[in-house]
Structure formats: structure tokens, C-alpha cells
Amino acid sequence: MEDIAWNSVILFLLFIFPGIVFRRFYYVGEFSKQFNSSNWINTFYISLIPGLFIQVFSYVIFINLIYIKLNPQETQDFNNYNFLNTIYLKLRSNSLFNFESICWVFCYILVVVLISFIIAQVCWIIVRNLDWDKKFSPLRFNNYWHYYLSGESLKFKEFRGFLPNQKVLLTEADVLVDIGNEGTKLYKGFLRQHTICKNSGDLKAIYLTDVRRYR
């Protein structure tokens, strides 16, 4: 049972953790709520694939640019991929807790976090700037209200042809509000911001400027 527990911890640190960091920095801005929209089990599964790629990439960067440069006499660690195995064996034997080993572990974790951040930001910039999230539905973010309220939905395949070669600058909204005893009021203004529910993704509130009110 102890070996299973240790293996689970190592598996989490090696593969799940960088994937979670990647998702945290990929879902930013108006799409930040998507990071917390699924349960933890789904989060682990979704984080596994990017985490595996990031872990391999981070290991190569760490060994070549940091570990071998500071330890030129131990180049066989890179050739045989013994660095992670050495850390794992030290964890199991409780001999990891010395200053040098802890420094290497923290340095490696910092490299993984940095690589996860860079890859997440690069992917986000590519997807958003090249409009891949509008052209390909699998890359589309869950905050569909942003696409509709900002006019980005005009680039969807379903709406292609509406307002061709036009760029949406502002969104004007007509909002009918039930005041209670006073009846209903119509508010007309420019949409500046909106919020959505974290779990369901439903529209929660909108914020208008230059508002006019009508009966």
C-alpha cells in the first residue's frame, strides 16, 4: 500500500501537475471560469495529455540547460535518463531531504511551471489571434456568451456571410427589466462587460454604459 501511495504522488507530480498549471494559464481573461467548470476527476484526465508533453519537454530543457551545465561530470544522467529515477529512489528511501537534493527538486519544479506557463500563453495567443477557436469548434471556449455578445460569433461557420468584411466595435443591447409594481422598463445601452455562472455557464449579469431608460 505504501508503494501505491508513493507511486500515486509521483504520478501526480510528474504528469498531472504540469497539465493543471497549463490549463490555469490557458483559460484566462473572459475564459478563466472554464478552468473550474469541471470536477476534479475530469480535470485530472484532461490535464494528463498536456502534462505528459510538458513533462518530457521540461525534462530535456532542465537537463541540457541547467543540470548538465552545473554538473558537467554527470552527463550520463541525461543519456540514461537517470535523474528522475534518482529523485524517485531518494523519495522512497527518505534520503531526499538534504539541501542539495531539495534545491534540485525545486529548480526542476520551477522549470516545469515556467514551461507550462509559456506553452499555455503561446497556445492561447495562437488560438485567439488566428481565430482558430471561431473556425474549429473543438478549440472553442465554453464561454459562448462572449462570442455572441462581442460579435465574434459572426466568424463562426454558421454565421459566415453576415456583415462580411465588417468588424464589430460595440454591442448595443435592449434589456427589458421587470421592476415589480412599477411594471417593466426598457434599458438601452452599450454592453461593456458580462459575467457568467461558474458551473453552468449561463449568463449571470451584464453591464451597460450610456444607458437610456424607456417605458
Protein backbone atom coordinates (compact mmCIF):
# COMPACT_ATOMS: atom_id res chain seq x y z
CA MET A 1 0.00 0.00 0.00
CA GLU A 2 2.86 2.34 0.77
CA ASP A 3 4.35 1.78 -2.70
CA ILE A 4 0.98 2.51 -4.31
CA ALA A 5 0.69 5.75 -2.35
CA TRP A 6 4.16 6.87 -3.35
CA ASN A 7 3.57 5.95 -6.99
CA SER A 8 0.34 7.96 -6.98
CA VAL A 9 2.13 11.02 -5.61
CA ILE A 10 4.95 10.70 -8.14
CA LEU A 11 2.46 10.22 -10.99
CA PHE A 12 0.60 13.35 -9.89
CA LEU A 13 3.76 15.46 -9.71
CA LEU A 14 5.16 14.17 -12.98
CA PHE A 15 2.13 14.25 -15.26
CA ILE A 16 -0.96 15.83 -13.68
CA PHE A 17 0.61 18.90 -12.05
CA PRO A 18 2.11 20.49 -15.22
CA GLY A 19 -1.16 19.85 -17.07
CA ILE A 20 -3.12 21.67 -14.35
CA VAL A 21 -0.67 24.60 -14.48
CA PHE A 22 -1.04 24.68 -18.27
CA ARG A 23 -4.85 24.83 -18.04
CA ARG A 24 -4.70 27.53 -15.36
CA PHE A 25 -2.69 29.85 -17.64
CA TYR A 26 -4.54 28.83 -20.83
CA TYR A 27 -8.02 29.72 -19.55
CA VAL A 28 -7.50 33.39 -18.77
CA GLY A 29 -9.46 36.61 -19.12
CA GLU A 30 -13.05 36.14 -20.21
CA PHE A 31 -12.50 32.36 -20.30
CA SER A 32 -10.98 31.95 -16.82
CA LYS A 33 -14.09 30.30 -15.34
CA GLN A 34 -13.65 27.31 -17.64
CA PHE A 35 -10.71 26.16 -15.50
CA ASN A 36 -13.06 25.45 -12.57
CA SER A 37 -16.07 24.36 -14.61
CA SER A 38 -15.39 20.60 -14.42
CA ASN A 39 -14.95 18.29 -11.45
CA TRP A 40 -11.53 17.22 -10.23
CA ILE A 41 -11.68 13.77 -11.83
CA ASN A 42 -12.27 15.28 -15.29
CA THR A 43 -9.57 17.87 -14.57
CA PHE A 44 -7.05 15.10 -13.88
CA TYR A 45 -7.89 13.26 -17.09
CA ILE A 46 -7.84 16.44 -19.20
CA SER A 47 -4.54 17.53 -17.64
CA LEU A 48 -2.81 14.22 -18.30
CA ILE A 49 -2.08 14.66 -22.02
CA PRO A 50 -0.63 18.20 -21.92
CA GLY A 51 1.11 17.29 -18.65
CA LEU A 52 2.90 14.36 -20.27
CA PHE A 53 4.14 16.51 -23.17
CA ILE A 54 5.20 19.36 -20.88
CA GLN A 55 6.99 16.96 -18.53
CA VAL A 56 9.10 15.47 -21.33
CA PHE A 57 9.87 18.89 -22.80
CA SER A 58 10.72 20.35 -19.38
CA TYR A 59 12.99 17.43 -18.57
CA VAL A 60 15.02 17.90 -21.75
CA ILE A 61 15.31 21.66 -21.12
CA PHE A 62 16.28 21.16 -17.48
CA ILE A 63 18.93 18.53 -18.20
CA ASN A 64 20.53 20.38 -21.12
CA LEU A 65 20.41 23.97 -19.90
CA ILE A 66 20.72 23.59 -16.13
CA TYR A 67 21.70 20.22 -14.72
CA ILE A 68 24.49 19.27 -17.15
CA LYS A 69 25.84 22.83 -17.24
CA LEU A 70 26.23 22.82 -13.47
CA ASN A 71 27.30 19.16 -13.30
CA PRO A 72 29.40 18.51 -16.42
CA GLN A 73 30.88 15.37 -14.86
CA GLU A 74 27.44 13.69 -14.75
CA THR A 75 26.41 13.75 -18.39
CA GLN A 76 25.37 10.11 -18.16
CA ASP A 77 22.30 11.25 -16.21
CA PHE A 78 20.94 12.75 -19.38
CA ASN A 79 21.96 9.89 -21.65
CA ASN A 80 20.35 7.28 -19.43
CA TYR A 81 17.53 9.42 -18.08
CA ASN A 82 18.57 8.61 -14.53
CA PHE A 83 17.85 11.99 -12.93
CA LEU A 84 14.16 11.38 -12.27
CA ASN A 85 14.84 7.80 -11.24
CA THR A 86 17.42 9.02 -8.73
CA ILE A 87 14.95 11.50 -7.25
CA TYR A 88 12.28 8.80 -7.09
CA LEU A 89 14.57 6.38 -5.26
CA LYS A 90 15.58 9.08 -2.81
CA LEU A 91 11.93 9.83 -2.14
CA ARG A 92 11.22 6.19 -1.37
CA SER A 93 14.25 5.86 0.88
CA ASN A 94 13.57 9.20 2.63
CA SER A 95 17.09 10.35 1.72
CA LEU A 96 15.91 13.25 -0.41
CA PHE A 97 15.74 15.73 2.43
CA ASN A 98 19.14 17.29 2.16
CA PHE A 99 19.83 20.79 0.94
CA GLU A 100 21.33 19.86 -2.45
CA SER A 101 18.58 17.44 -3.41
CA ILE A 102 15.82 19.82 -2.32
CA CYS A 103 17.38 22.62 -4.38
CA TRP A 104 17.43 20.42 -7.49
CA VAL A 105 13.83 19.37 -6.96
CA PHE A 106 12.60 22.94 -6.52
CA CYS A 107 14.63 24.07 -9.51
CA TYR A 108 13.06 21.35 -11.64
CA ILE A 109 9.55 22.26 -10.43
CA LEU A 110 10.19 25.92 -11.32
CA VAL A 111 11.27 24.87 -14.81
CA VAL A 112 8.09 22.81 -15.23
CA VAL A 113 5.89 25.71 -14.08
CA LEU A 114 7.70 28.16 -16.35
CA ILE A 115 7.45 25.87 -19.38
CA SER A 116 3.77 25.23 -18.64
CA PHE A 117 3.13 28.98 -18.47
CA ILE A 118 4.99 29.72 -21.71
CA ILE A 119 3.32 26.91 -23.68
CA ALA A 120 -0.13 27.89 -22.35
CA GLN A 121 0.33 31.53 -23.30
CA VAL A 122 1.70 30.67 -26.75
CA CYS A 123 -1.23 28.32 -27.41
CA TRP A 124 -3.72 30.94 -26.22
CA ILE A 125 -2.19 33.64 -28.44
CA ILE A 126 -2.15 31.36 -31.49
CA VAL A 127 -5.73 30.14 -31.00
CA ARG A 128 -7.12 33.63 -30.39
CA ASN A 129 -5.10 35.66 -32.90
CA LEU A 130 -5.56 33.18 -35.74
CA ASP A 131 -9.28 32.78 -34.88
CA TRP A 132 -8.87 29.03 -34.55
CA ASP A 133 -11.47 28.97 -31.78
CA LYS A 134 -14.01 30.50 -34.18
CA LYS A 135 -13.09 28.31 -37.15
CA PHE A 136 -12.79 24.98 -35.32
CA SER A 137 -15.45 24.12 -32.74
CA PRO A 138 -13.24 21.67 -30.73
CA LEU A 139 -10.95 24.62 -29.89
CA ARG A 140 -13.86 26.86 -28.88
CA PHE A 141 -14.04 28.03 -25.29
CA ASN A 142 -17.10 27.29 -23.17
CA ASN A 143 -17.96 30.96 -22.62
CA TYR A 144 -20.22 31.14 -25.66
CA TRP A 145 -21.77 34.36 -24.31
CA HIS A 146 -18.51 36.15 -25.05
CA TYR A 147 -18.67 35.13 -28.69
CA TYR A 148 -22.30 36.20 -29.05
CA LEU A 149 -22.14 39.46 -27.10
CA SER A 150 -18.83 40.62 -28.60
CA GLY A 151 -19.77 39.83 -32.19
CA GLU A 152 -17.05 37.20 -32.59
CA SER A 153 -19.76 34.67 -33.40
CA LEU A 154 -20.01 36.27 -36.85
CA LYS A 155 -16.83 34.36 -37.68
CA PHE A 156 -18.50 31.02 -36.92
CA LYS A 157 -19.18 28.84 -39.92
CA GLU A 158 -22.90 29.03 -39.16
CA PHE A 159 -22.95 32.86 -39.36
CA ARG A 160 -20.41 33.36 -42.11
CA GLY A 161 -21.76 35.79 -44.67
CA PHE A 162 -23.49 38.13 -42.22
CA LEU A 163 -21.84 41.57 -42.25
CA PRO A 164 -18.95 40.44 -44.48
CA ASN A 165 -15.65 42.31 -44.08
CA GLN A 166 -17.08 44.21 -41.13
CA LYS A 167 -15.58 44.49 -37.64
CA VAL A 168 -17.77 44.77 -34.57
CA LEU A 169 -16.67 47.67 -32.36
CA LEU A 170 -19.53 47.93 -29.88
CA THR A 171 -22.56 45.89 -28.93
CA GLU A 172 -25.80 47.71 -28.20
CA ALA A 173 -28.32 45.89 -26.03
CA ASP A 174 -32.00 46.35 -25.27
CA VAL A 175 -32.80 44.90 -21.86
CA LEU A 176 -36.36 44.55 -20.61
CA VAL A 177 -36.43 44.58 -16.79
CA ASP A 178 -39.35 43.73 -14.53
CA ILE A 179 -39.39 46.40 -11.78
CA GLY A 180 -42.31 44.82 -9.90
CA ASN A 181 -45.10 47.25 -9.02
CA GLU A 182 -43.66 49.79 -11.46
CA GLY A 183 -44.08 47.39 -14.36
CA THR A 184 -41.39 46.79 -16.94
CA LYS A 185 -38.68 49.18 -18.07
CA LEU A 186 -36.62 49.02 -21.22
CA TYR A 187 -32.93 49.85 -20.78
CA LYS A 188 -30.88 50.59 -23.87
CA GLY A 189 -27.10 50.96 -23.76
CA PHE A 190 -23.71 49.73 -24.87
CA LEU A 191 -22.60 46.39 -23.48
CA ARG A 192 -19.25 46.68 -21.70
CA GLN A 193 -18.96 43.55 -19.61
CA HIS A 194 -20.81 40.42 -18.59
CA THR A 195 -20.44 37.66 -16.02
CA ILE A 196 -21.44 34.01 -16.24
CA CYS A 197 -22.15 31.30 -13.69
CA LYS A 198 -19.08 29.23 -12.93
CA ASN A 199 -20.70 25.81 -13.16
CA SER A 200 -23.48 26.18 -15.74
CA GLY A 201 -22.02 28.90 -17.97
CA ASP A 202 -25.37 30.71 -18.00
CA LEU A 203 -25.45 34.49 -18.26
CA LYS A 204 -25.46 35.98 -14.75
CA ALA A 205 -25.20 39.77 -15.21
CA ILE A 206 -24.45 42.39 -17.85
CA TYR A 207 -23.09 45.91 -17.51
CA LEU A 208 -24.21 48.73 -19.79
CA THR A 209 -22.92 52.25 -20.32
CA ASP A 210 -24.63 55.31 -21.85
CA VAL A 211 -27.93 53.85 -20.67
CA ARG A 212 -31.30 55.26 -21.64
CA ARG A 213 -34.49 54.10 -19.97
CA TYR A 214 -37.89 53.79 -21.61
CA ARG A 215 -41.32 52.64 -20.53
